[in-house]
Amino acid sequence: MNTITLNVKPVQLTDEEFYQLCQVNQAWRLELTAKGELLIMSPLGGKSGSREARLISKIWLWNEQTKLGIVFSSSTVFRLPNGGKRSPDVAWVKLERWDSLTDEEQEKFPPLCPDFLIELRSRTDNLEDLQEKMAEYLDAGLRLGWLINPQQQQVEIYRLNQDKEIISLPANLSGEDVLHDFILDIPVI
């Protein structure tokens, strides 16, 4: 199923109302763009779910060794400073930033943009929508992001205050100065 987009800007959902909407519709993945569009997405299929799990496990293992931050799955919604409420496929937040949040902020939708994230394009994802989402993350303070695109066998690398870089698969991706000493080998997928 493709993503359904509803214009809810005139409604102006509060953070709490959006949180409650997500709680009563847990079978769906919901996001709210900074432009006021409610995105309704169906759950992942097997291939995308497996690829996402592999990526999360790689970041989690690195973080388990370094203890530098907190790793999040695609079930986590982040309240971005620009008004968007977004769920990257894999996210990482530096420990100091996470620890600065209150217990309630950590329990609900954290009010921050991840330092690092991965978006993995599934078969039904529109590439332009994902690129717009990555731009929204950058506007909210993302330091490093990877948009992995199996359909075109490439990765788009997004860095704060830099032009995006596109590399072909297979690739060795570096966590650069965000995920110190992290390297992700991505084969042709």
C-alpha atoms as a PDB file:
ATOM      1  CA  MET A   1       0.000   0.000   0.000  1.00  0.00           C
ATOM      2  CA  ASN A   2       1.203   3.500  -0.737  1.00  0.00           C
ATOM      3  CA  THR A   3       1.292   6.307   1.793  1.00  0.00           C
ATOM      4  CA  ILE A   4      -1.925   8.250   2.274  1.00  0.00           C
ATOM      5  CA  THR A   5      -1.427  11.991   2.756  1.00  0.00           C
ATOM      6  CA  LEU A   6      -4.036  14.149   4.489  1.00  0.00           C
ATOM      7  CA  ASN A   7      -3.791  17.933   4.818  1.00  0.00           C
ATOM      8  CA  VAL A   8      -4.472  18.564   8.510  1.00  0.00           C
ATOM      9  CA  LYS A   9      -2.825  21.993   8.760  1.00  0.00           C
ATOM     10  CA  PRO A  10      -6.171  23.769   9.377  1.00  0.00           C
ATOM     11  CA  VAL A  11      -6.814  21.405  12.316  1.00  0.00           C
ATOM     12  CA  GLN A  12      -3.457  22.238  13.983  1.00  0.00           C
ATOM     13  CA  LEU A  13      -3.030  19.082  16.041  1.00  0.00           C
ATOM     14  CA  THR A  14      -1.235  19.711  19.320  1.00  0.00           C
ATOM     15  CA  ASP A  15       1.666  17.466  20.268  1.00  0.00           C
ATOM     16  CA  GLU A  16      -0.580  15.685  22.776  1.00  0.00           C
ATOM     17  CA  GLU A  17      -3.399  15.218  20.225  1.00  0.00           C
ATOM     18  CA  PHE A  18      -0.971  13.741  17.693  1.00  0.00           C
ATOM     19  CA  TYR A  19       0.442  11.450  20.386  1.00  0.00           C
ATOM     20  CA  GLN A  20      -3.071  10.256  21.296  1.00  0.00           C
ATOM     21  CA  LEU A  21      -3.941   9.755  17.603  1.00  0.00           C
ATOM     22  CA  CYS A  22      -0.898   7.491  17.266  1.00  0.00           C
ATOM     23  CA  GLN A  23      -1.794   5.588  20.438  1.00  0.00           C
ATOM     24  CA  VAL A  24      -5.308   4.701  19.228  1.00  0.00           C
ATOM     25  CA  ASN A  25      -4.075   3.752  15.721  1.00  0.00           C
ATOM     26  CA  GLN A  26      -1.080   1.568  16.551  1.00  0.00           C
ATOM     27  CA  ALA A  27      -1.561  -0.661  13.497  1.00  0.00           C
ATOM     28  CA  TRP A  28      -0.524   2.293  11.315  1.00  0.00           C
ATOM     29  CA  ARG A  29       2.688   4.265  11.100  1.00  0.00           C
ATOM     30  CA  LEU A  30       1.761   7.946  11.363  1.00  0.00           C
ATOM     31  CA  GLU A  31       3.933  10.985  10.730  1.00  0.00           C
ATOM     32  CA  LEU A  32       3.172  14.694  10.537  1.00  0.00           C
ATOM     33  CA  THR A  33       5.273  16.820   8.202  1.00  0.00           C
ATOM     34  CA  ALA A  34       6.398  20.348   9.027  1.00  0.00           C
ATOM     35  CA  LYS A  35       3.924  21.477   6.312  1.00  0.00           C
ATOM     36  CA  GLY A  36       0.983  20.000   8.235  1.00  0.00           C
ATOM     37  CA  GLU A  37       0.473  16.827   6.188  1.00  0.00           C
ATOM     38  CA  LEU A  38      -0.561  13.688   8.068  1.00  0.00           C
ATOM     39  CA  LEU A  39       1.114  10.654   6.500  1.00  0.00           C
ATOM     40  CA  ILE A  40      -0.555   7.281   7.024  1.00  0.00           C
ATOM     41  CA  MET A  41       1.659   4.318   6.185  1.00  0.00           C
ATOM     42  CA  SER A  42       1.034   0.611   6.343  1.00  0.00           C
ATOM     43  CA  PRO A  43       3.409  -1.738   8.184  1.00  0.00           C
ATOM     44  CA  LEU A  44       6.554  -2.973   6.425  1.00  0.00           C
ATOM     45  CA  GLY A  45       6.802  -6.077   4.291  1.00  0.00           C
ATOM     46  CA  GLY A  46       9.288  -8.871   4.910  1.00  0.00           C
ATOM     47  CA  LYS A  47      12.253  -7.660   2.837  1.00  0.00           C
ATOM     48  CA  SER A  48      12.116  -4.088   4.105  1.00  0.00           C
ATOM     49  CA  GLY A  49      11.605  -5.246   7.688  1.00  0.00           C
ATOM     50  CA  SER A  50      14.593  -7.572   7.487  1.00  0.00           C
ATOM     51  CA  ARG A  51      16.822  -4.892   5.955  1.00  0.00           C
ATOM     52  CA  GLU A  52      15.739  -2.405   8.617  1.00  0.00           C
ATOM     53  CA  ALA A  53      16.452  -4.908  11.414  1.00  0.00           C
ATOM     54  CA  ARG A  54      19.950  -5.518  10.014  1.00  0.00           C
ATOM     55  CA  LEU A  55      20.692  -1.784   9.982  1.00  0.00           C
ATOM     56  CA  ILE A  56      19.370  -1.244  13.507  1.00  0.00           C
ATOM     57  CA  SER A  57      21.436  -4.170  14.814  1.00  0.00           C
ATOM     58  CA  LYS A  58      24.644  -2.782  13.291  1.00  0.00           C
ATOM     59  CA  ILE A  59      24.126   0.649  14.879  1.00  0.00           C
ATOM     60  CA  TRP A  60      23.032  -0.930  18.162  1.00  0.00           C
ATOM     61  CA  LEU A  61      26.135  -3.158  18.351  1.00  0.00           C
ATOM     62  CA  TRP A  62      28.429  -0.187  17.689  1.00  0.00           C
ATOM     63  CA  ASN A  63      26.607   1.845  20.337  1.00  0.00           C
ATOM     64  CA  GLU A  64      26.702  -1.026  22.833  1.00  0.00           C
ATOM     65  CA  GLN A  65      30.503  -0.918  22.598  1.00  0.00           C
ATOM     66  CA  THR A  66      30.906   2.868  22.657  1.00  0.00           C
ATOM     67  CA  LYS A  67      28.016   3.829  24.976  1.00  0.00           C
ATOM     68  CA  LEU A  68      27.874   7.223  23.228  1.00  0.00           C
ATOM     69  CA  GLY A  69      24.134   7.478  22.657  1.00  0.00           C
ATOM     70  CA  ILE A  70      20.737   5.864  22.308  1.00  0.00           C
ATOM     71  CA  VAL A  71      19.498   3.877  19.264  1.00  0.00           C
ATOM     72  CA  PHE A  72      15.858   4.007  18.088  1.00  0.00           C
ATOM     73  CA  SER A  73      13.715   1.944  15.719  1.00  0.00           C
ATOM     74  CA  SER A  74      11.194   3.151  13.161  1.00  0.00           C
ATOM     75  CA  SER A  75       8.486   2.965  15.821  1.00  0.00           C
ATOM     76  CA  THR A  76       9.881   6.107  17.460  1.00  0.00           C
ATOM     77  CA  VAL A  77       8.392   9.477  16.518  1.00  0.00           C
ATOM     78  CA  PHE A  78      10.594  12.532  17.037  1.00  0.00           C
ATOM     79  CA  ARG A  79       9.034  15.982  17.530  1.00  0.00           C
ATOM     80  CA  LEU A  80      11.283  18.128  15.357  1.00  0.00           C
ATOM     81  CA  PRO A  81      11.922  21.805  16.124  1.00  0.00           C
ATOM     82  CA  ASN A  82      10.350  22.736  12.757  1.00  0.00           C
ATOM     83  CA  GLY A  83       6.992  21.196  13.759  1.00  0.00           C
ATOM     84  CA  GLY A  84       7.396  17.859  11.992  1.00  0.00           C
ATOM     85  CA  LYS A  85       6.762  14.614  13.806  1.00  0.00           C
ATOM     86  CA  ARG A  86       8.870  12.055  11.994  1.00  0.00           C
ATOM     87  CA  SER A  87       9.954   8.421  12.325  1.00  0.00           C
ATOM     88  CA  PRO A  88      13.257   7.499  10.682  1.00  0.00           C
ATOM     89  CA  ASP A  89      13.921   3.805  10.049  1.00  0.00           C
ATOM     90  CA  VAL A  90      17.004   3.929  12.299  1.00  0.00           C
ATOM     91  CA  ALA A  91      17.955   6.824  14.573  1.00  0.00           C
ATOM     92  CA  TRP A  92      20.714   7.647  17.027  1.00  0.00           C
ATOM     93  CA  VAL A  93      20.865  10.476  19.571  1.00  0.00           C
ATOM     94  CA  LYS A  94      23.981  11.529  21.448  1.00  0.00           C
ATOM     95  CA  LEU A  95      23.703  10.508  25.107  1.00  0.00           C
ATOM     96  CA  GLU A  96      24.083  14.051  26.499  1.00  0.00           C
ATOM     97  CA  ARG A  97      21.162  15.285  24.391  1.00  0.00           C
ATOM     98  CA  TRP A  98      18.991  12.323  25.430  1.00  0.00           C
ATOM     99  CA  ASP A  99      19.844  12.749  29.102  1.00  0.00           C
ATOM    100  CA  SER A 100      18.860  16.431  28.948  1.00  0.00           C
ATOM    101  CA  LEU A 101      15.222  15.440  28.290  1.00  0.00           C
ATOM    102  CA  THR A 102      12.700  14.990  31.073  1.00  0.00           C
ATOM    103  CA  ASP A 103      11.255  11.543  31.807  1.00  0.00           C
ATOM    104  CA  GLU A 104       7.980  12.564  30.119  1.00  0.00           C
ATOM    105  CA  GLU A 105       9.809  13.796  26.999  1.00  0.00           C
ATOM    106  CA  GLN A 106      11.680  10.501  26.817  1.00  0.00           C
ATOM    107  CA  GLU A 107       8.500   8.475  27.368  1.00  0.00           C
ATOM    108  CA  LYS A 108       6.390  10.174  24.678  1.00  0.00           C
ATOM    109  CA  PHE A 109       7.744  11.589  21.411  1.00  0.00           C
ATOM    110  CA  PRO A 110      11.195  13.071  22.110  1.00  0.00           C
ATOM    111  CA  PRO A 111      11.333  16.792  21.208  1.00  0.00           C
ATOM    112  CA  LEU A 112      14.533  16.723  19.181  1.00  0.00           C
ATOM    113  CA  CYS A 113      16.036  15.724  15.872  1.00  0.00           C
ATOM    114  CA  PRO A 114      18.336  12.686  15.891  1.00  0.00           C
ATOM    115  CA  ASP A 115      22.044  13.326  15.396  1.00  0.00           C
ATOM    116  CA  PHE A 116      22.198  10.430  12.928  1.00  0.00           C
ATOM    117  CA  LEU A 117      19.552   8.515  11.040  1.00  0.00           C
ATOM    118  CA  ILE A 118      18.900   6.108   8.201  1.00  0.00           C
ATOM    119  CA  GLU A 119      15.943   6.069   5.858  1.00  0.00           C
ATOM    120  CA  LEU A 120      15.600   2.834   3.904  1.00  0.00           C
ATOM    121  CA  ARG A 121      13.513   3.148   0.750  1.00  0.00           C
ATOM    122  CA  SER A 122      10.985   0.343   0.457  1.00  0.00           C
ATOM    123  CA  ARG A 123       9.419  -0.819  -2.785  1.00  0.00           C
ATOM    124  CA  THR A 124       6.384   1.441  -2.312  1.00  0.00           C
ATOM    125  CA  ASP A 125       8.205   4.581  -1.090  1.00  0.00           C
ATOM    126  CA  ASN A 126       8.306   7.624  -3.348  1.00  0.00           C
ATOM    127  CA  LEU A 127      11.931   8.784  -3.651  1.00  0.00           C
ATOM    128  CA  GLU A 128      11.048  12.489  -3.811  1.00  0.00           C
ATOM    129  CA  ASP A 129       9.019  12.189  -0.590  1.00  0.00           C
ATOM    130  CA  LEU A 130      11.987  10.587   1.180  1.00  0.00           C
ATOM    131  CA  GLN A 131      14.350  13.272  -0.133  1.00  0.00           C
ATOM    132  CA  GLU A 132      11.960  15.929   1.164  1.00  0.00           C
ATOM    133  CA  LYS A 133      11.901  14.126   4.512  1.00  0.00           C
ATOM    134  CA  MET A 134      15.718  14.159   4.629  1.00  0.00           C
ATOM    135  CA  ALA A 135      15.688  17.905   3.907  1.00  0.00           C
ATOM    136  CA  GLU A 136      13.226  18.357   6.778  1.00  0.00           C
ATOM    137  CA  TYR A 137      15.618  16.503   9.089  1.00  0.00           C
ATOM    138  CA  LEU A 138      18.502  18.725   7.965  1.00  0.00           C
ATOM    139  CA  ASP A 139      16.414  21.834   8.636  1.00  0.00           C
ATOM    140  CA  ALA A 140      15.783  20.449  12.131  1.00  0.00           C
ATOM    141  CA  GLY A 141      19.506  19.953  12.880  1.00  0.00           C
ATOM    142  CA  LEU A 142      20.389  16.468  11.603  1.00  0.00           C
ATOM    143  CA  ARG A 143      24.175  16.050  11.544  1.00  0.00           C
ATOM    144  CA  LEU A 144      24.455  12.930   9.336  1.00  0.00           C
ATOM    145  CA  GLY A 145      21.844  10.899   7.464  1.00  0.00           C
ATOM    146  CA  TRP A 146      21.820   8.090   4.933  1.00  0.00           C
ATOM    147  CA  LEU A 147      18.998   7.467   2.477  1.00  0.00           C
ATOM    148  CA  ILE A 148      19.546   3.911   1.270  1.00  0.00           C
ATOM    149  CA  ASN A 149      17.868   3.285  -2.073  1.00  0.00           C
ATOM    150  CA  PRO A 150      17.902  -0.410  -3.097  1.00  0.00           C
ATOM    151  CA  GLN A 151      15.843   0.308  -6.225  1.00  0.00           C
ATOM    152  CA  GLN A 152      18.625   2.451  -7.700  1.00  0.00           C
ATOM    153  CA  GLN A 153      21.474   0.685  -5.855  1.00  0.00           C
ATOM    154  CA  GLN A 154      22.728   3.878  -4.247  1.00  0.00           C
ATOM    155  CA  VAL A 155      22.988   5.812  -0.999  1.00  0.00           C
ATOM    156  CA  GLU A 156      22.385   9.521  -0.583  1.00  0.00           C
ATOM    157  CA  ILE A 157      24.499  10.984   2.213  1.00  0.00           C
ATOM    158  CA  TYR A 158      23.138  14.082   3.955  1.00  0.00           C
ATOM    159  CA  ARG A 159      25.333  16.269   6.142  1.00  0.00           C
ATOM    160  CA  LEU A 160      24.513  19.471   7.998  1.00  0.00           C
ATOM    161  CA  ASN A 161      25.378  22.546   5.892  1.00  0.00           C
ATOM    162  CA  GLN A 162      26.706  20.489   2.961  1.00  0.00           C
ATOM    163  CA  ASP A 163      25.414  19.311  -0.410  1.00  0.00           C
ATOM    164  CA  LYS A 164      24.177  15.751  -0.517  1.00  0.00           C
ATOM    165  CA  GLU A 165      26.546  13.110  -1.840  1.00  0.00           C
ATOM    166  CA  ILE A 166      25.362  10.111  -3.875  1.00  0.00           C
ATOM    167  CA  ILE A 167      27.379   6.906  -3.964  1.00  0.00           C
ATOM    168  CA  SER A 168      26.697   3.594  -5.667  1.00  0.00           C
ATOM    169  CA  LEU A 169      26.362   0.226  -3.975  1.00  0.00           C
ATOM    170  CA  PRO A 170      28.292  -1.704  -2.821  1.00  0.00           C
ATOM    171  CA  ALA A 171      29.605   0.901  -0.387  1.00  0.00           C
ATOM    172  CA  ASN A 172      31.453   1.355   2.871  1.00  0.00           C
ATOM    173  CA  LEU A 173      29.778   4.169   4.786  1.00  0.00           C
ATOM    174  CA  SER A 174      31.582   6.032   7.539  1.00  0.00           C
ATOM    175  CA  GLY A 175      29.915   7.413  10.649  1.00  0.00           C
ATOM    176  CA  GLU A 176      32.354  10.315  10.267  1.00  0.00           C
ATOM    177  CA  ASP A 177      32.504  12.631  13.289  1.00  0.00           C
ATOM    178  CA  VAL A 178      29.000  11.662  14.422  1.00  0.00           C
ATOM    179  CA  LEU A 179      29.335   7.879  14.894  1.00  0.00           C
ATOM    180  CA  HIS A 180      33.067   7.751  15.620  1.00  0.00           C
ATOM    181  CA  ASP A 181      34.847   4.734  14.084  1.00  0.00           C
ATOM    182  CA  PHE A 182      31.609   3.234  12.743  1.00  0.00           C
ATOM    183  CA  ILE A 183      31.734   1.679   9.269  1.00  0.00           C
ATOM    184  CA  LEU A 184      28.752   0.082   7.538  1.00  0.00           C
ATOM    185  CA  ASP A 185      29.389  -2.231   4.606  1.00  0.00           C
ATOM    186  CA  ILE A 186      26.388  -2.285   2.299  1.00  0.00           C
ATOM    187  CA  PRO A 187      26.440  -4.873  -0.473  1.00  0.00           C
ATOM    188  CA  VAL A 188      24.414  -4.700  -3.639  1.00  0.00           C
ATOM    189  CA  ILE A 189      20.895  -5.338  -2.315  1.00  0.00           C
END
